[in-house]
N, C-alpha and C. Protein backbone atom coordinates (compact mmCIF):
# COMPACT_ATOMS: atom_id res chain seq x y z
N MET A 1 66.13 -26.59 -31.23
CA MET A 1 65.27 -27.13 -32.26
C MET A 1 64.03 -26.26 -32.44
N GLU A 2 63.50 -25.72 -31.36
CA GLU A 2 62.30 -24.89 -31.44
C GLU A 2 62.53 -23.68 -32.34
N ILE A 3 63.65 -23.00 -32.15
CA ILE A 3 63.95 -21.81 -32.95
C ILE A 3 64.06 -22.18 -34.43
N PHE A 4 64.72 -23.29 -34.72
CA PHE A 4 64.87 -23.76 -36.10
C PHE A 4 63.50 -24.02 -36.73
N ASN A 5 62.65 -24.76 -36.03
CA ASN A 5 61.34 -25.10 -36.57
C ASN A 5 60.43 -23.89 -36.70
N ARG A 6 60.46 -23.01 -35.74
CA ARG A 6 59.63 -21.80 -35.83
C ARG A 6 60.07 -20.91 -36.98
N SER A 7 61.37 -20.89 -37.26
CA SER A 7 61.84 -20.05 -38.36
C SER A 7 61.40 -20.60 -39.71
N ILE A 8 61.26 -21.90 -39.83
CA ILE A 8 60.82 -22.50 -41.09
C ILE A 8 59.31 -22.37 -41.25
N ASP A 9 58.56 -22.76 -40.23
CA ASP A 9 57.10 -22.69 -40.32
C ASP A 9 56.50 -22.74 -38.91
N PRO A 10 56.01 -21.62 -38.40
CA PRO A 10 55.44 -21.59 -37.05
C PRO A 10 54.26 -22.54 -36.87
N SER A 11 53.45 -22.73 -37.91
CA SER A 11 52.31 -23.64 -37.77
C SER A 11 52.77 -25.10 -37.67
N ALA A 12 53.89 -25.42 -38.30
CA ALA A 12 54.45 -26.77 -38.16
C ALA A 12 54.95 -27.00 -36.75
N TRP A 13 55.58 -25.98 -36.15
CA TRP A 13 56.02 -26.10 -34.77
C TRP A 13 54.82 -26.32 -33.86
N ASN A 14 53.73 -25.63 -34.13
CA ASN A 14 52.51 -25.79 -33.35
C ASN A 14 52.01 -27.24 -33.45
N ALA A 15 52.12 -27.83 -34.63
CA ALA A 15 51.73 -29.23 -34.81
C ALA A 15 52.61 -30.16 -34.00
N ILE A 16 53.90 -29.83 -33.87
CA ILE A 16 54.81 -30.64 -33.07
C ILE A 16 54.42 -30.56 -31.59
N VAL A 17 54.12 -29.37 -31.13
CA VAL A 17 53.80 -29.17 -29.71
C VAL A 17 52.46 -29.79 -29.35
N LYS A 18 51.44 -29.59 -30.18
CA LYS A 18 50.09 -30.06 -29.87
C LYS A 18 49.85 -31.51 -30.24
N GLY A 19 50.68 -32.05 -31.11
CA GLY A 19 50.48 -33.42 -31.54
C GLY A 19 49.66 -33.49 -32.82
N PRO A 20 49.43 -34.69 -33.31
CA PRO A 20 48.78 -34.84 -34.61
C PRO A 20 47.31 -34.42 -34.58
N PHE A 21 46.85 -33.93 -35.71
CA PHE A 21 45.44 -33.59 -35.88
C PHE A 21 44.84 -34.62 -36.81
N ILE A 22 43.83 -35.33 -36.34
CA ILE A 22 43.18 -36.36 -37.15
C ILE A 22 41.69 -36.03 -37.21
N PRO A 23 41.22 -35.47 -38.34
CA PRO A 23 39.80 -35.17 -38.45
C PRO A 23 38.98 -36.45 -38.53
N ASN A 24 37.93 -36.49 -37.76
CA ASN A 24 37.10 -37.69 -37.68
C ASN A 24 35.67 -37.39 -38.07
N LYS A 25 34.95 -38.44 -38.41
CA LYS A 25 33.51 -38.37 -38.64
C LYS A 25 32.87 -39.54 -37.90
N GLU A 26 31.59 -39.43 -37.64
CA GLU A 26 30.90 -40.50 -36.93
C GLU A 26 30.16 -41.37 -37.94
N VAL A 27 30.44 -42.67 -37.88
CA VAL A 27 29.77 -43.64 -38.74
C VAL A 27 29.26 -44.76 -37.85
N ASN A 28 27.96 -44.94 -37.82
CA ASN A 28 27.33 -45.97 -36.99
C ASN A 28 27.75 -45.86 -35.53
N GLY A 29 27.81 -44.63 -35.03
CA GLY A 29 28.18 -44.40 -33.63
C GLY A 29 29.65 -44.57 -33.32
N GLU A 30 30.47 -44.70 -34.35
CA GLU A 30 31.90 -44.90 -34.16
C GLU A 30 32.68 -43.82 -34.90
N LEU A 31 33.73 -43.28 -34.29
CA LEU A 31 34.56 -42.27 -34.93
C LEU A 31 35.57 -42.93 -35.86
N VAL A 32 35.58 -42.47 -37.11
CA VAL A 32 36.54 -42.97 -38.09
C VAL A 32 37.20 -41.76 -38.76
N PRO A 33 38.46 -41.90 -39.19
CA PRO A 33 39.14 -40.78 -39.85
C PRO A 33 38.45 -40.41 -41.17
N LYS A 34 38.41 -39.11 -41.45
CA LYS A 34 37.84 -38.62 -42.70
C LYS A 34 38.81 -38.86 -43.85
N GLU A 35 38.25 -39.03 -45.03
CA GLU A 35 39.06 -39.08 -46.25
C GLU A 35 39.43 -37.65 -46.63
N TRP A 36 40.48 -37.49 -47.45
CA TRP A 36 40.96 -36.17 -47.83
C TRP A 36 39.85 -35.32 -48.45
N ASP A 37 39.06 -35.91 -49.34
CA ASP A 37 38.02 -35.14 -50.03
C ASP A 37 36.83 -34.79 -49.14
N GLU A 38 36.74 -35.37 -47.95
CA GLU A 38 35.67 -35.06 -47.00
C GLU A 38 36.07 -33.94 -46.04
N MET A 39 37.34 -33.59 -46.01
CA MET A 39 37.82 -32.60 -45.05
C MET A 39 37.51 -31.18 -45.51
N LYS A 40 37.28 -30.31 -44.53
CA LYS A 40 37.14 -28.88 -44.81
C LYS A 40 38.53 -28.30 -45.02
N ASP A 41 38.58 -27.08 -45.56
CA ASP A 41 39.87 -26.45 -45.86
C ASP A 41 40.75 -26.29 -44.62
N ASP A 42 40.16 -25.90 -43.48
CA ASP A 42 40.96 -25.73 -42.27
C ASP A 42 41.49 -27.06 -41.75
N GLU A 43 40.74 -28.13 -41.94
CA GLU A 43 41.21 -29.46 -41.54
C GLU A 43 42.37 -29.91 -42.43
N LYS A 44 42.25 -29.64 -43.71
CA LYS A 44 43.33 -29.99 -44.64
C LYS A 44 44.61 -29.24 -44.29
N ARG A 45 44.46 -27.96 -43.93
CA ARG A 45 45.63 -27.16 -43.57
C ARG A 45 46.32 -27.74 -42.34
N LYS A 46 45.54 -28.17 -41.36
CA LYS A 46 46.13 -28.74 -40.15
C LYS A 46 46.84 -30.06 -40.45
N VAL A 47 46.26 -30.88 -41.31
CA VAL A 47 46.91 -32.14 -41.70
C VAL A 47 48.20 -31.84 -42.46
N GLN A 48 48.19 -30.82 -43.31
CA GLN A 48 49.40 -30.43 -44.04
C GLN A 48 50.47 -29.91 -43.08
N ASP A 49 50.05 -29.20 -42.03
CA ASP A 49 51.02 -28.75 -41.02
C ASP A 49 51.68 -29.94 -40.34
N ASP A 50 50.90 -30.99 -40.07
CA ASP A 50 51.48 -32.21 -39.49
C ASP A 50 52.52 -32.81 -40.42
N GLN A 51 52.22 -32.83 -41.72
CA GLN A 51 53.15 -33.38 -42.70
C GLN A 51 54.43 -32.55 -42.76
N LYS A 52 54.29 -31.22 -42.71
CA LYS A 52 55.47 -30.35 -42.69
C LYS A 52 56.31 -30.62 -41.45
N ALA A 53 55.65 -30.77 -40.31
CA ALA A 53 56.37 -31.03 -39.06
C ALA A 53 57.16 -32.33 -39.17
N LYS A 54 56.53 -33.37 -39.73
CA LYS A 54 57.24 -34.64 -39.89
C LYS A 54 58.44 -34.48 -40.83
N SER A 55 58.27 -33.71 -41.89
CA SER A 55 59.37 -33.49 -42.83
C SER A 55 60.52 -32.75 -42.17
N ILE A 56 60.20 -31.72 -41.40
CA ILE A 56 61.24 -30.94 -40.70
C ILE A 56 61.98 -31.82 -39.71
N LEU A 57 61.25 -32.61 -38.93
CA LEU A 57 61.89 -33.48 -37.94
C LEU A 57 62.75 -34.54 -38.62
N THR A 58 62.25 -35.11 -39.71
CA THR A 58 63.02 -36.12 -40.43
C THR A 58 64.31 -35.51 -40.98
N PHE A 59 64.22 -34.32 -41.56
CA PHE A 59 65.40 -33.64 -42.06
C PHE A 59 66.41 -33.41 -40.94
N PHE A 60 65.92 -32.97 -39.80
CA PHE A 60 66.79 -32.68 -38.66
C PHE A 60 67.47 -33.96 -38.17
N ILE A 61 66.73 -35.05 -38.12
CA ILE A 61 67.29 -36.32 -37.66
C ILE A 61 68.40 -36.80 -38.59
N LEU A 62 68.20 -36.61 -39.87
CA LEU A 62 69.14 -37.14 -40.84
C LEU A 62 70.39 -36.28 -41.02
N GLN A 63 70.49 -35.18 -40.30
CA GLN A 63 71.64 -34.28 -40.43
C GLN A 63 72.79 -34.70 -39.52
N GLY A 64 73.61 -35.54 -40.03
CA GLY A 64 74.86 -35.87 -39.35
C GLY A 64 74.73 -36.82 -38.18
N ALA A 65 75.77 -37.57 -37.94
CA ALA A 65 75.80 -38.57 -36.88
C ALA A 65 75.74 -37.94 -35.49
N LYS A 66 76.35 -36.80 -35.30
CA LYS A 66 76.37 -36.15 -33.99
C LYS A 66 74.96 -35.79 -33.55
N VAL A 67 74.19 -35.22 -34.45
CA VAL A 67 72.82 -34.84 -34.12
C VAL A 67 71.99 -36.09 -33.85
N LYS A 68 72.19 -37.12 -34.65
CA LYS A 68 71.45 -38.37 -34.45
C LYS A 68 71.72 -38.95 -33.07
N ARG A 69 73.01 -39.00 -32.69
CA ARG A 69 73.35 -39.58 -31.39
C ARG A 69 72.76 -38.79 -30.25
N LYS A 70 72.75 -37.48 -30.39
CA LYS A 70 72.31 -36.64 -29.28
C LYS A 70 70.79 -36.56 -29.17
N TYR A 71 70.09 -36.45 -30.30
CA TYR A 71 68.65 -36.20 -30.26
C TYR A 71 67.81 -37.28 -30.94
N GLY A 72 68.41 -38.28 -31.51
CA GLY A 72 67.71 -39.26 -32.32
C GLY A 72 66.50 -39.91 -31.68
N LYS A 73 66.64 -40.44 -30.48
CA LYS A 73 65.53 -41.15 -29.84
C LYS A 73 64.37 -40.21 -29.53
N CYS A 74 64.68 -39.03 -29.06
CA CYS A 74 63.64 -38.06 -28.74
C CYS A 74 62.86 -37.66 -29.98
N LEU A 75 63.57 -37.37 -31.07
CA LEU A 75 62.91 -36.94 -32.30
C LEU A 75 62.13 -38.08 -32.94
N MET A 76 62.64 -39.28 -32.86
CA MET A 76 61.91 -40.41 -33.43
C MET A 76 60.59 -40.62 -32.68
N SER A 77 60.58 -40.40 -31.37
CA SER A 77 59.33 -40.53 -30.63
C SER A 77 58.35 -39.44 -31.03
N LEU A 78 58.85 -38.24 -31.35
CA LEU A 78 57.97 -37.17 -31.84
C LEU A 78 57.39 -37.52 -33.20
N ILE A 79 58.21 -38.08 -34.07
CA ILE A 79 57.71 -38.48 -35.39
C ILE A 79 56.65 -39.56 -35.25
N GLN A 80 56.88 -40.52 -34.37
CA GLN A 80 55.89 -41.57 -34.17
C GLN A 80 54.59 -41.00 -33.63
N ALA A 81 54.67 -39.99 -32.78
CA ALA A 81 53.47 -39.36 -32.24
C ALA A 81 52.70 -38.61 -33.33
N LEU A 82 53.40 -38.12 -34.35
CA LEU A 82 52.75 -37.38 -35.42
C LEU A 82 52.22 -38.27 -36.53
N ARG A 83 52.49 -39.56 -36.47
CA ARG A 83 52.00 -40.46 -37.52
C ARG A 83 50.49 -40.52 -37.50
N MET A 84 49.94 -40.67 -38.67
CA MET A 84 48.47 -40.75 -38.79
C MET A 84 48.08 -42.12 -39.24
């Protein structure tokens, strides 16, 4: 799976390995997620990489019953970890 994902988008693979990126801001001493229009360009790119990673994993999961049976639970846990 690593070779497949790296061939499509190396930054998406990096998002899979490192986990989700959630840009935050401090409001009244509490961290809250930033809105899209509040994010800097590099933060937007990282969030987009997370979305690509989720799309790649979802595509991989949906490819045939054999793949689902063998890797389904593992990949679903990765997708859940990447949810924002």
